[in-house]
Each structure stands twice: as structure tokens, then as C-alpha cells.
Amino acid sequence: MKKNVQWMLAAILCCGMTAGALMACGNNKDENEALDTMDALCHVMVSEDVLKVADVTVHYLDAKGQEATERMTTTEWKKQWTTTTLPARLGVWAQLTPKASVALTEVSYQLKAISTAGYLFHAAKGGDWANGWTSANPYAQPENVAATDVSSWCSKSASTGCIVDAKGVGNPAIADFGGNYKETSPYNDFCIWVVSLFGLGPEACE
């Protein structure tokens, strides 16, 4: 009887050790499993004249999807990060506030402000593709805006954004930061320009 009990205890202990080993292996496999990732980008470009006539505050959704702001003092501003948290929201808006202390001495100004929300999705099982949305053509020339119309022009600064689902597919979405002029437009025609912001060549669009 005593031998039977000893054999039973030995069997239970052996099974427990085996189960623990299997569980440990299973945990390691989950930890090492490749995940889909997304390189996100918020980008703003303005002309030199915009900085002369307006204060530029960039509102954007950060890596946690929370609103953040930064003052823009040069003609180009860019924020980039990588995340494995999908779905995700991207959004950016350049708030243009006419400078009250600056006298508009010129008859007109060359004004241009472009906000872009873009992303590059990396599938864990292979296959990369990029997509993004912008409020205007990035290749467009600055507008000739009369000094008397500068304030009105600044008030129409558009936000842009998109929602990227768990499979990396994005759709345009209004990024409402409060007070921004709401407008979005598809950006698929400018894939080469978007991927260049990530430092990639045209082959990334193939």
C-alpha cells in the first residue's frame, strides 16, 4: 500500500513538472511572437510668410492617442513614433493665430500651410504598405493672399487625420481639436511623398 502511494505521489509530481515545463514553453512562445507594427507620422509645413504674420501652434494626437501641442518656429515640423497598439488614431492641426503685434506692411503675402497624418504599416507575417491623408496638395505653390485677408485665411487652417484598423487599413477621419476648420481628403495619390517623410525610397510604394 505504501509503495502504491509513493508511486502515485511520484506520478503527480512528474506530471506537475511536465505541465510547468509546457506552460513555460507556451509563455515563451507568446512573448517571442512577432507583432504587427505601425510607424506613425504627423507633419506640418508652412511658408516663410506664415511665420511672419501668424503664431503657429501644432495640435496632434501622440503615441497614446492623446492630444498634445507644440509651438512651431520653423517652416517644417515633424513628429514620428512606432507602435504595436492597433487600431490607432492619427491627427494633426496647425493652428494659425494672426500676430496682433505685427503690422502687415506688405500688400500681400505668400501663404501656405499643409498638415499631413501618415503611416507605414509593417505586417508581422510580411508585407508593408503606406497610406496617409493630407488637407492639401503638398506640391502646391503658396497662395498670394492680400494683407486684408490674412486673418480670414488663417482661420481656415484644416486638420487632417485617419483611423488605422488592426489590419493596417486606414480611413480618413476628422481630427477635431476644437475650433479647427474641418476638412479631410484622401491622400493615396502621393504615396511616394509620404514614404519619403519616413526616409524611404519610391520602391516602398510598389
Protein backbone atom coordinates (compact mmCIF):
# COMPACT_ATOMS: atom_id res chain seq x y z
CA MET A 1 0.00 0.00 0.00
CA LYS A 2 2.83 2.34 0.96
CA LYS A 3 4.56 1.63 -2.38
CA ASN A 4 1.39 2.43 -4.29
CA VAL A 5 1.08 5.78 -2.52
CA GLN A 6 4.72 6.57 -3.29
CA TRP A 7 4.21 5.74 -6.97
CA MET A 8 1.11 7.93 -7.09
CA LEU A 9 2.96 10.87 -5.49
CA ALA A 10 5.86 10.42 -7.89
CA ALA A 11 3.47 10.35 -10.86
CA ILE A 12 1.66 13.50 -9.68
CA LEU A 13 4.98 15.32 -9.16
CA CYS A 14 6.21 14.27 -12.59
CA CYS A 15 3.01 15.43 -14.26
CA GLY A 16 3.19 18.74 -12.41
CA MET A 17 6.76 19.32 -13.57
CA THR A 18 5.83 18.41 -17.15
CA ALA A 19 2.83 20.74 -17.12
CA GLY A 20 5.00 23.51 -15.70
CA ALA A 21 7.57 22.98 -18.44
CA LEU A 22 4.88 23.05 -21.12
CA MET A 23 3.36 26.17 -19.61
CA ALA A 24 6.76 27.87 -19.55
CA CYS A 25 7.35 26.96 -23.17
CA GLY A 26 3.95 28.32 -24.06
CA ASN A 27 4.65 31.60 -22.31
CA ASN A 28 7.99 31.99 -24.07
CA LYS A 29 6.33 31.42 -27.42
CA ASP A 30 3.78 34.15 -26.74
CA GLU A 31 6.47 36.58 -25.61
CA ASN A 32 8.56 35.99 -28.74
CA GLU A 33 5.65 36.07 -31.16
CA ALA A 34 6.10 38.79 -33.80
CA LEU A 35 3.62 41.66 -33.69
CA ASP A 36 2.31 43.98 -36.38
CA THR A 37 3.81 47.45 -36.04
CA MET A 38 2.97 50.88 -37.42
CA ASP A 39 5.26 53.85 -37.97
CA ALA A 40 3.12 56.94 -37.43
CA LEU A 41 3.85 60.44 -38.63
CA CYS A 42 2.40 63.91 -38.07
CA HIS A 43 3.89 66.57 -40.33
CA VAL A 44 3.32 70.28 -40.89
CA MET A 45 4.84 72.61 -43.49
CA VAL A 46 4.31 76.36 -43.72
CA SER A 47 5.80 79.10 -45.88
CA GLU A 48 8.17 81.72 -44.51
CA ASP A 49 5.45 84.36 -44.76
CA VAL A 50 3.16 82.35 -42.47
CA LEU A 51 5.74 82.66 -39.69
CA LYS A 52 5.87 86.42 -40.32
CA VAL A 53 2.14 87.01 -39.94
CA ALA A 54 0.97 84.26 -37.54
CA ASP A 55 1.87 82.27 -34.45
CA VAL A 56 1.71 78.56 -35.27
CA THR A 57 0.65 76.02 -32.64
CA VAL A 58 0.64 72.38 -33.71
CA HIS A 59 -2.04 70.18 -32.15
CA TYR A 60 -1.59 66.45 -32.68
CA LEU A 61 -2.55 63.03 -31.33
CA ASP A 62 0.52 61.48 -29.72
CA ALA A 63 1.64 57.83 -29.44
CA LYS A 64 -1.02 57.23 -26.75
CA GLY A 65 -3.77 58.82 -28.83
CA GLN A 66 -3.89 61.83 -26.52
CA GLU A 67 -3.87 65.45 -27.66
CA ALA A 68 -0.56 67.27 -27.38
CA THR A 69 0.61 70.70 -28.54
CA GLU A 70 3.91 72.23 -29.62
CA ARG A 71 4.89 75.69 -30.79
CA MET A 72 6.19 75.81 -34.37
CA THR A 73 9.03 78.26 -35.06
CA THR A 74 10.45 76.89 -38.32
CA THR A 75 8.86 76.14 -41.69
CA GLU A 76 8.71 72.38 -41.03
CA TRP A 77 7.61 70.35 -38.01
CA LYS A 78 7.56 66.54 -37.76
CA LYS A 79 6.71 64.01 -35.06
CA GLN A 80 7.25 60.27 -35.64
CA TRP A 81 6.82 57.18 -33.48
CA THR A 82 6.31 53.41 -33.71
CA THR A 83 3.51 51.48 -32.03
CA THR A 84 2.13 47.95 -31.81
CA THR A 85 -1.18 49.20 -30.43
CA LEU A 86 -3.78 48.92 -33.17
CA PRO A 87 -6.36 50.19 -34.03
CA ALA A 88 -4.87 53.68 -33.78
CA ARG A 89 -5.91 57.27 -34.49
CA LEU A 90 -3.72 59.89 -36.16
CA GLY A 91 -4.48 63.58 -36.33
CA VAL A 92 -2.76 66.93 -36.67
CA TRP A 93 -3.76 70.59 -36.97
CA ALA A 94 -1.67 73.72 -37.35
CA GLN A 95 -3.50 76.49 -35.51
CA LEU A 96 -2.65 79.83 -37.14
CA THR A 97 -3.19 82.85 -34.92
CA PRO A 98 -2.56 86.22 -36.63
CA LYS A 99 0.10 88.23 -34.78
CA ALA A 100 -1.54 91.28 -33.24
CA SER A 101 1.84 92.95 -32.67
CA VAL A 102 2.96 92.70 -36.29
CA ALA A 103 1.96 95.41 -38.73
CA LEU A 104 1.12 93.98 -42.15
CA THR A 105 3.35 96.25 -44.19
CA GLU A 106 3.17 94.25 -47.43
CA VAL A 107 0.33 94.45 -49.93
CA SER A 108 0.12 90.65 -49.98
CA TYR A 109 1.81 87.56 -48.56
CA GLN A 110 2.73 84.14 -49.94
CA LEU A 111 0.94 81.79 -47.57
CA LYS A 112 0.92 78.01 -47.43
CA ALA A 113 0.17 75.59 -44.57
CA ILE A 114 -0.08 71.82 -45.04
CA SER A 115 -0.85 69.26 -42.33
CA THR A 116 -0.27 65.57 -43.03
CA ALA A 117 -1.06 62.45 -41.00
CA GLY A 118 0.64 59.40 -42.49
CA TYR A 119 1.61 55.88 -41.51
CA LEU A 120 3.65 52.91 -42.66
CA PHE A 121 2.26 49.54 -41.57
CA HIS A 122 4.53 46.51 -41.09
CA ALA A 123 2.72 43.16 -41.05
CA ALA A 124 4.44 40.60 -38.82
CA LYS A 125 3.93 37.92 -41.47
CA GLY A 126 5.44 40.05 -44.21
CA GLY A 127 4.20 42.83 -46.43
CA ASP A 128 4.49 46.57 -45.86
CA TRP A 129 2.34 49.35 -47.21
CA ALA A 130 1.92 53.04 -46.61
CA ASN A 131 -1.05 55.36 -46.63
CA GLY A 132 -1.94 58.79 -45.38
CA TRP A 133 -4.17 61.82 -45.65
CA THR A 134 -3.48 65.48 -46.18
CA SER A 135 -5.53 68.67 -46.27
CA ALA A 136 -3.90 69.97 -49.44
CA ASN A 137 -1.59 69.12 -52.31
CA PRO A 138 1.96 69.12 -50.84
CA TYR A 139 3.32 70.28 -54.20
CA ALA A 140 1.01 73.30 -54.43
CA GLN A 141 2.58 76.76 -54.56
CA PRO A 142 1.88 79.29 -51.77
CA GLU A 143 -1.25 81.39 -52.23
CA ASN A 144 -0.95 85.11 -52.85
CA VAL A 145 -3.09 86.48 -50.00
CA ALA A 146 -3.89 90.17 -49.62
CA ALA A 147 -2.90 91.68 -46.28
CA THR A 148 -6.53 92.42 -45.52
CA ASP A 149 -7.41 88.72 -45.98
CA VAL A 150 -4.64 87.21 -43.82
CA SER A 151 -6.87 86.77 -40.78
CA SER A 152 -9.58 85.04 -42.80
CA TRP A 153 -7.03 82.78 -44.48
CA CYS A 154 -5.56 81.73 -41.12
CA SER A 155 -8.99 80.80 -39.77
CA LYS A 156 -9.38 78.16 -42.49
CA SER A 157 -6.39 76.08 -41.45
CA ALA A 158 -7.57 72.49 -41.81
CA SER A 159 -6.94 69.50 -39.60
CA THR A 160 -6.31 66.08 -41.08
CA GLY A 161 -6.35 62.58 -39.72
CA CYS A 162 -7.07 58.91 -40.20
CA ILE A 163 -8.05 55.81 -38.29
CA VAL A 164 -5.92 52.69 -38.84
CA ASP A 165 -7.57 49.38 -38.05
CA ALA A 166 -5.94 46.24 -36.60
CA LYS A 167 -5.03 45.01 -40.11
CA GLY A 168 -3.32 48.25 -41.13
CA VAL A 169 -6.12 49.60 -43.30
CA GLY A 170 -6.66 53.33 -42.86
CA ASN A 171 -9.65 55.56 -43.47
CA PRO A 172 -9.81 59.38 -43.43
CA ALA A 173 -11.21 60.85 -40.24
CA ILE A 174 -11.80 64.36 -38.97
CA ALA A 175 -9.37 65.20 -36.19
CA ASP A 176 -11.38 67.69 -34.18
CA PHE A 177 -9.17 69.72 -31.84
CA GLY A 178 -11.83 72.34 -31.26
CA GLY A 179 -12.01 75.44 -33.39
CA ASN A 180 -10.26 73.97 -36.39
CA TYR A 181 -11.67 74.16 -39.89
CA LYS A 182 -12.92 70.61 -40.51
CA GLU A 183 -11.80 69.20 -43.81
CA THR A 184 -10.17 65.96 -44.92
CA SER A 185 -9.28 64.48 -48.28
CA PRO A 186 -7.78 61.15 -49.42
CA TYR A 187 -4.03 61.18 -49.81
CA ASN A 188 -3.42 57.94 -51.75
CA ASP A 189 -2.09 59.73 -54.84
CA PHE A 190 1.01 60.94 -53.03
CA CYS A 191 2.40 57.67 -51.66
CA ILE A 192 5.95 58.45 -52.78
CA TRP A 193 5.88 61.77 -50.93
CA VAL A 194 4.50 60.16 -47.76
CA VAL A 195 7.11 57.39 -47.62
CA SER A 196 9.85 59.95 -48.27
CA LEU A 197 8.94 61.53 -44.94
CA PHE A 198 9.89 58.20 -43.34
CA GLY A 199 13.22 58.30 -45.18
CA LEU A 200 12.17 55.60 -47.69
CA GLY A 201 12.51 55.49 -51.46
CA PRO A 202 9.81 55.11 -54.16
CA GLU A 203 10.17 51.31 -54.08
CA ALA A 204 8.22 51.33 -50.80
CA CYS A 205 5.12 52.18 -52.82
CA GLU A 206 5.35 49.12 -55.08
